[in-house]
């Protein structure tokens, strides 16, 4: 459990650094930079969660014959849960305390990316966006969405990494036995 916590904090810190780095790209909440910041944020999430693979290798390589696939997956998911919680807390702090104008700037950016910019379809899309904006005005919703995003990506990384590591160590052990 202590190892999961340690790696979860490391992954959460790396994700948070990427998050703040992407927000610095959006200096002054400029709408034209929001897309770049969004991509940078997701790349940072995936890159940080890839650390789970390193942690898994470090944790299970010496005891590969005694550890099951499920233990590897649970290990990775545990790291992702801690990292996602840290990341979501930092995102809420940034969005509501450090840069309270972020949501308004992001909303403007979002509206500018809509495929239709006038007419009844546009009005319906704006209405939907307003409902989402209202929902994201609540810190708990921002926390849940950001944490769930990390948890889902972390689950995928953990399953794929667990499978890969499990079969890699099994084949390595079989080759050594020959």
C-alpha atoms as a PDB file:
ATOM      1  CA  UNK A   1       0.000   0.000   0.000  1.00  0.00           C
ATOM      2  CA  UNK A   2       2.862   2.350   0.813  1.00  0.00           C
ATOM      3  CA  UNK A   3       4.370   1.711  -2.635  1.00  0.00           C
ATOM      4  CA  UNK A   4       1.043   2.444  -4.343  1.00  0.00           C
ATOM      5  CA  UNK A   5       0.752   5.690  -2.396  1.00  0.00           C
ATOM      6  CA  UNK A   6       4.339   6.706  -3.237  1.00  0.00           C
ATOM      7  CA  UNK A   7       3.855   6.094  -6.970  1.00  0.00           C
ATOM      8  CA  UNK A   8       0.403   7.691  -6.898  1.00  0.00           C
ATOM      9  CA  UNK A   9       1.873  10.877  -5.448  1.00  0.00           C
ATOM     10  CA  UNK A  10       4.667  10.868  -8.050  1.00  0.00           C
ATOM     11  CA  UNK A  11       2.228  10.385 -10.945  1.00  0.00           C
ATOM     12  CA  UNK A  12      -0.166  12.982  -9.489  1.00  0.00           C
ATOM     13  CA  UNK A  13       2.686  15.490  -9.153  1.00  0.00           C
ATOM     14  CA  UNK A  14       3.855  14.924 -12.735  1.00  0.00           C
ATOM     15  CA  UNK A  15       0.284  15.350 -14.016  1.00  0.00           C
ATOM     16  CA  UNK A  16      -0.131  18.531 -12.003  1.00  0.00           C
ATOM     17  CA  UNK A  17       3.129  19.922 -13.400  1.00  0.00           C
ATOM     18  CA  UNK A  18       1.875  19.188 -16.927  1.00  0.00           C
ATOM     19  CA  UNK A  19      -1.466  20.810 -16.061  1.00  0.00           C
ATOM     20  CA  UNK A  20       0.119  23.999 -14.787  1.00  0.00           C
ATOM     21  CA  UNK A  21       2.512  23.994 -17.731  1.00  0.00           C
ATOM     22  CA  UNK A  22      -0.394  23.815 -20.153  1.00  0.00           C
ATOM     23  CA  UNK A  23      -2.162  26.632 -18.316  1.00  0.00           C
ATOM     24  CA  UNK A  24       0.940  28.804 -18.628  1.00  0.00           C
ATOM     25  CA  UNK A  25       0.646  28.284 -22.389  1.00  0.00           C
ATOM     26  CA  UNK A  26      -2.740  29.980 -22.016  1.00  0.00           C
ATOM     27  CA  UNK A  27      -1.255  33.123 -20.522  1.00  0.00           C
ATOM     28  CA  UNK A  28      -4.031  35.579 -19.835  1.00  0.00           C
ATOM     29  CA  UNK A  29      -6.775  33.052 -20.682  1.00  0.00           C
ATOM     30  CA  UNK A  30      -6.386  33.647 -24.427  1.00  0.00           C
ATOM     31  CA  UNK A  31      -8.981  31.629 -26.327  1.00  0.00           C
ATOM     32  CA  UNK A  32      -6.670  30.961 -29.275  1.00  0.00           C
ATOM     33  CA  UNK A  33      -4.314  28.988 -27.003  1.00  0.00           C
ATOM     34  CA  UNK A  34      -6.953  26.876 -25.247  1.00  0.00           C
ATOM     35  CA  UNK A  35      -6.797  24.080 -27.829  1.00  0.00           C
ATOM     36  CA  UNK A  36      -3.026  23.753 -27.418  1.00  0.00           C
ATOM     37  CA  UNK A  37      -3.378  23.760 -23.637  1.00  0.00           C
ATOM     38  CA  UNK A  38      -6.094  21.109 -23.812  1.00  0.00           C
ATOM     39  CA  UNK A  39      -3.960  18.792 -25.957  1.00  0.00           C
ATOM     40  CA  UNK A  40      -0.936  19.405 -23.715  1.00  0.00           C
ATOM     41  CA  UNK A  41      -3.041  18.530 -20.672  1.00  0.00           C
ATOM     42  CA  UNK A  42      -4.218  15.206 -22.101  1.00  0.00           C
ATOM     43  CA  UNK A  43      -0.736  14.314 -23.345  1.00  0.00           C
ATOM     44  CA  UNK A  44       0.523  15.092 -19.842  1.00  0.00           C
ATOM     45  CA  UNK A  45      -2.101  12.816 -18.292  1.00  0.00           C
ATOM     46  CA  UNK A  46      -1.161   9.923 -20.552  1.00  0.00           C
ATOM     47  CA  UNK A  47       2.585  10.515 -20.159  1.00  0.00           C
ATOM     48  CA  UNK A  48       2.282  10.712 -16.379  1.00  0.00           C
ATOM     49  CA  UNK A  49       0.113   7.609 -16.227  1.00  0.00           C
ATOM     50  CA  UNK A  50       2.733   5.783 -18.301  1.00  0.00           C
ATOM     51  CA  UNK A  51       4.861   5.981 -15.146  1.00  0.00           C
ATOM     52  CA  UNK A  52       2.547   3.215 -13.896  1.00  0.00           C
ATOM     53  CA  UNK A  53       4.364   0.880 -16.302  1.00  0.00           C
ATOM     54  CA  UNK A  54       7.721   1.754 -14.748  1.00  0.00           C
ATOM     55  CA  UNK A  55       6.292   1.354 -11.237  1.00  0.00           C
ATOM     56  CA  UNK A  56       4.783  -2.002 -12.176  1.00  0.00           C
ATOM     57  CA  UNK A  57       8.087  -3.222 -13.582  1.00  0.00           C
ATOM     58  CA  UNK A  58       9.989  -2.048 -10.513  1.00  0.00           C
ATOM     59  CA  UNK A  59       7.455  -3.604  -8.122  1.00  0.00           C
ATOM     60  CA  UNK A  60       6.916  -6.974  -9.796  1.00  0.00           C
ATOM     61  CA  UNK A  61      10.095  -7.890 -11.698  1.00  0.00           C
ATOM     62  CA  UNK A  62      11.874  -9.576  -8.809  1.00  0.00           C
ATOM     63  CA  UNK A  63       8.813 -11.520  -7.674  1.00  0.00           C
ATOM     64  CA  UNK A  64       7.239 -12.148 -11.081  1.00  0.00           C
ATOM     65  CA  UNK A  65       6.458 -15.810 -10.406  1.00  0.00           C
ATOM     66  CA  UNK A  66       4.481 -15.029  -7.240  1.00  0.00           C
ATOM     67  CA  UNK A  67       2.356 -12.145  -8.528  1.00  0.00           C
ATOM     68  CA  UNK A  68      -0.845 -12.539 -10.512  1.00  0.00           C
ATOM     69  CA  UNK A  69      -2.132 -10.458 -13.381  1.00  0.00           C
ATOM     70  CA  UNK A  70      -4.867  -9.058 -11.115  1.00  0.00           C
ATOM     71  CA  UNK A  71      -2.301  -7.898  -8.563  1.00  0.00           C
ATOM     72  CA  UNK A  72      -0.570  -5.930 -11.302  1.00  0.00           C
ATOM     73  CA  UNK A  73      -3.825  -4.381 -12.506  1.00  0.00           C
ATOM     74  CA  UNK A  74      -4.938  -3.480  -8.968  1.00  0.00           C
ATOM     75  CA  UNK A  75      -1.499  -1.967  -8.316  1.00  0.00           C
ATOM     76  CA  UNK A  76      -1.827   0.249 -11.410  1.00  0.00           C
ATOM     77  CA  UNK A  77      -5.419   1.225 -10.677  1.00  0.00           C
ATOM     78  CA  UNK A  78      -4.447   2.133  -7.103  1.00  0.00           C
ATOM     79  CA  UNK A  79      -1.757   4.463  -8.425  1.00  0.00           C
ATOM     80  CA  UNK A  80      -4.255   5.990 -10.880  1.00  0.00           C
ATOM     81  CA  UNK A  81      -6.851   6.565  -8.139  1.00  0.00           C
ATOM     82  CA  UNK A  82      -4.369   8.429  -5.940  1.00  0.00           C
ATOM     83  CA  UNK A  83      -2.934  10.376  -8.890  1.00  0.00           C
ATOM     84  CA  UNK A  84      -6.405  11.252 -10.199  1.00  0.00           C
ATOM     85  CA  UNK A  85      -7.489  12.504  -6.802  1.00  0.00           C
ATOM     86  CA  UNK A  86      -4.397  14.704  -6.480  1.00  0.00           C
ATOM     87  CA  UNK A  87      -4.814  16.004 -10.022  1.00  0.00           C
ATOM     88  CA  UNK A  88      -8.514  16.782  -9.543  1.00  0.00           C
ATOM     89  CA  UNK A  89      -7.874  18.651  -6.279  1.00  0.00           C
ATOM     90  CA  UNK A  90      -5.155  20.738  -7.963  1.00  0.00           C
ATOM     91  CA  UNK A  91      -7.439  21.419 -10.936  1.00  0.00           C
ATOM     92  CA  UNK A  92     -10.224  22.649  -8.641  1.00  0.00           C
ATOM     93  CA  UNK A  93      -7.772  24.875  -6.766  1.00  0.00           C
ATOM     94  CA  UNK A  94      -6.511  26.334 -10.043  1.00  0.00           C
ATOM     95  CA  UNK A  95      -9.937  26.770 -11.622  1.00  0.00           C
ATOM     96  CA  UNK A  96     -11.730  28.270  -8.637  1.00  0.00           C
ATOM     97  CA  UNK A  97      -8.996  29.993  -6.612  1.00  0.00           C
ATOM     98  CA  UNK A  98      -5.915  30.772  -8.690  1.00  0.00           C
ATOM     99  CA  UNK A  99      -7.608  31.597 -12.007  1.00  0.00           C
ATOM    100  CA  UNK A 100     -11.370  32.048 -11.508  1.00  0.00           C
ATOM    101  CA  UNK A 101     -11.692  33.535 -15.021  1.00  0.00           C
ATOM    102  CA  UNK A 102     -10.568  30.273 -16.613  1.00  0.00           C
ATOM    103  CA  UNK A 103     -14.057  28.808 -17.021  1.00  0.00           C
ATOM    104  CA  UNK A 104     -15.340  31.925 -18.793  1.00  0.00           C
ATOM    105  CA  UNK A 105     -12.342  31.926 -21.146  1.00  0.00           C
ATOM    106  CA  UNK A 106     -12.738  28.216 -21.842  1.00  0.00           C
ATOM    107  CA  UNK A 107     -16.453  28.689 -22.512  1.00  0.00           C
ATOM    108  CA  UNK A 108     -15.643  31.389 -25.082  1.00  0.00           C
ATOM    109  CA  UNK A 109     -13.104  29.061 -26.679  1.00  0.00           C
ATOM    110  CA  UNK A 110     -15.618  26.215 -26.765  1.00  0.00           C
ATOM    111  CA  UNK A 111     -18.264  28.383 -28.436  1.00  0.00           C
ATOM    112  CA  UNK A 112     -15.745  29.489 -31.059  1.00  0.00           C
ATOM    113  CA  UNK A 113     -15.064  25.850 -31.976  1.00  0.00           C
ATOM    114  CA  UNK A 114     -18.695  24.938 -32.624  1.00  0.00           C
ATOM    115  CA  UNK A 115     -19.117  23.767 -36.222  1.00  0.00           C
ATOM    116  CA  UNK A 116     -22.171  25.997 -36.754  1.00  0.00           C
ATOM    117  CA  UNK A 117     -21.986  29.677 -35.768  1.00  0.00           C
ATOM    118  CA  UNK A 118     -25.565  30.834 -36.391  1.00  0.00           C
ATOM    119  CA  UNK A 119     -29.160  29.670 -36.679  1.00  0.00           C
ATOM    120  CA  UNK A 120     -31.367  27.378 -34.575  1.00  0.00           C
ATOM    121  CA  UNK A 121     -28.790  24.590 -34.406  1.00  0.00           C
ATOM    122  CA  UNK A 122     -26.216  27.042 -33.034  1.00  0.00           C
ATOM    123  CA  UNK A 123     -28.723  28.307 -30.457  1.00  0.00           C
ATOM    124  CA  UNK A 124     -29.384  24.726 -29.321  1.00  0.00           C
ATOM    125  CA  UNK A 125     -25.635  24.061 -29.039  1.00  0.00           C
ATOM    126  CA  UNK A 126     -25.137  27.258 -27.034  1.00  0.00           C
ATOM    127  CA  UNK A 127     -28.008  26.259 -24.748  1.00  0.00           C
ATOM    128  CA  UNK A 128     -26.393  22.842 -24.176  1.00  0.00           C
ATOM    129  CA  UNK A 129     -23.051  24.536 -23.519  1.00  0.00           C
ATOM    130  CA  UNK A 130     -24.681  26.889 -21.004  1.00  0.00           C
ATOM    131  CA  UNK A 131     -26.121  23.892 -19.135  1.00  0.00           C
ATOM    132  CA  UNK A 132     -22.665  22.294 -19.019  1.00  0.00           C
ATOM    133  CA  UNK A 133     -21.124  25.571 -17.918  1.00  0.00           C
ATOM    134  CA  UNK A 134     -23.618  25.760 -15.052  1.00  0.00           C
ATOM    135  CA  UNK A 135     -22.781  22.210 -14.057  1.00  0.00           C
ATOM    136  CA  UNK A 136     -19.030  22.962 -14.110  1.00  0.00           C
ATOM    137  CA  UNK A 137     -19.564  26.017 -11.921  1.00  0.00           C
ATOM    138  CA  UNK A 138     -19.652  23.528  -9.027  1.00  0.00           C
ATOM    139  CA  UNK A 139     -16.201  22.503  -7.727  1.00  0.00           C
ATOM    140  CA  UNK A 140     -17.432  18.977  -6.944  1.00  0.00           C
ATOM    141  CA  UNK A 141     -18.383  18.437 -10.596  1.00  0.00           C
ATOM    142  CA  UNK A 142     -15.007  19.662 -11.827  1.00  0.00           C
ATOM    143  CA  UNK A 143     -13.347  17.366  -9.285  1.00  0.00           C
ATOM    144  CA  UNK A 144     -15.420  14.344 -10.315  1.00  0.00           C
ATOM    145  CA  UNK A 145     -14.973  14.845 -14.056  1.00  0.00           C
ATOM    146  CA  UNK A 146     -11.221  15.442 -13.847  1.00  0.00           C
ATOM    147  CA  UNK A 147     -10.661  12.565 -11.412  1.00  0.00           C
ATOM    148  CA  UNK A 148     -12.825  10.191 -13.465  1.00  0.00           C
ATOM    149  CA  UNK A 149     -10.910  11.119 -16.620  1.00  0.00           C
ATOM    150  CA  UNK A 150      -7.616  10.180 -14.980  1.00  0.00           C
ATOM    151  CA  UNK A 151      -9.122   7.051 -13.433  1.00  0.00           C
ATOM    152  CA  UNK A 152     -10.417   5.814 -16.798  1.00  0.00           C
ATOM    153  CA  UNK A 153      -7.130   6.459 -18.599  1.00  0.00           C
ATOM    154  CA  UNK A 154      -5.330   4.880 -15.632  1.00  0.00           C
ATOM    155  CA  UNK A 155      -7.544   1.799 -15.845  1.00  0.00           C
ATOM    156  CA  UNK A 156      -6.664   1.326 -19.516  1.00  0.00           C
ATOM    157  CA  UNK A 157      -2.940   1.844 -18.840  1.00  0.00           C
ATOM    158  CA  UNK A 158      -3.110  -0.565 -15.877  1.00  0.00           C
ATOM    159  CA  UNK A 159      -4.888  -3.326 -17.789  1.00  0.00           C
ATOM    160  CA  UNK A 160      -2.660  -3.058 -20.859  1.00  0.00           C
ATOM    161  CA  UNK A 161       0.481  -2.599 -18.768  1.00  0.00           C
ATOM    162  CA  UNK A 162      -0.486  -5.432 -16.438  1.00  0.00           C
ATOM    163  CA  UNK A 163      -1.115  -7.783 -19.356  1.00  0.00           C
ATOM    164  CA  UNK A 164       2.108  -6.805 -21.061  1.00  0.00           C
ATOM    165  CA  UNK A 165       4.205  -7.084 -17.924  1.00  0.00           C
ATOM    166  CA  UNK A 166       2.602 -10.362 -16.847  1.00  0.00           C
ATOM    167  CA  UNK A 167       3.223 -12.103 -20.155  1.00  0.00           C
ATOM    168  CA  UNK A 168       6.659 -10.518 -20.593  1.00  0.00           C
ATOM    169  CA  UNK A 169       7.826 -11.790 -17.195  1.00  0.00           C
ATOM    170  CA  UNK A 170       6.273 -15.220 -17.808  1.00  0.00           C
ATOM    171  CA  UNK A 171       8.065 -15.582 -21.154  1.00  0.00           C
ATOM    172  CA  UNK A 172      11.306 -14.314 -19.594  1.00  0.00           C
ATOM    173  CA  UNK A 173      11.007 -16.922 -16.820  1.00  0.00           C
ATOM    174  CA  UNK A 174      10.233 -19.678 -19.354  1.00  0.00           C
ATOM    175  CA  UNK A 175      13.303 -18.727 -21.401  1.00  0.00           C
ATOM    176  CA  UNK A 176      15.490 -18.846 -18.281  1.00  0.00           C
ATOM    177  CA  UNK A 177      14.118 -22.291 -17.378  1.00  0.00           C
ATOM    178  CA  UNK A 178      15.236 -23.749 -20.722  1.00  0.00           C
END
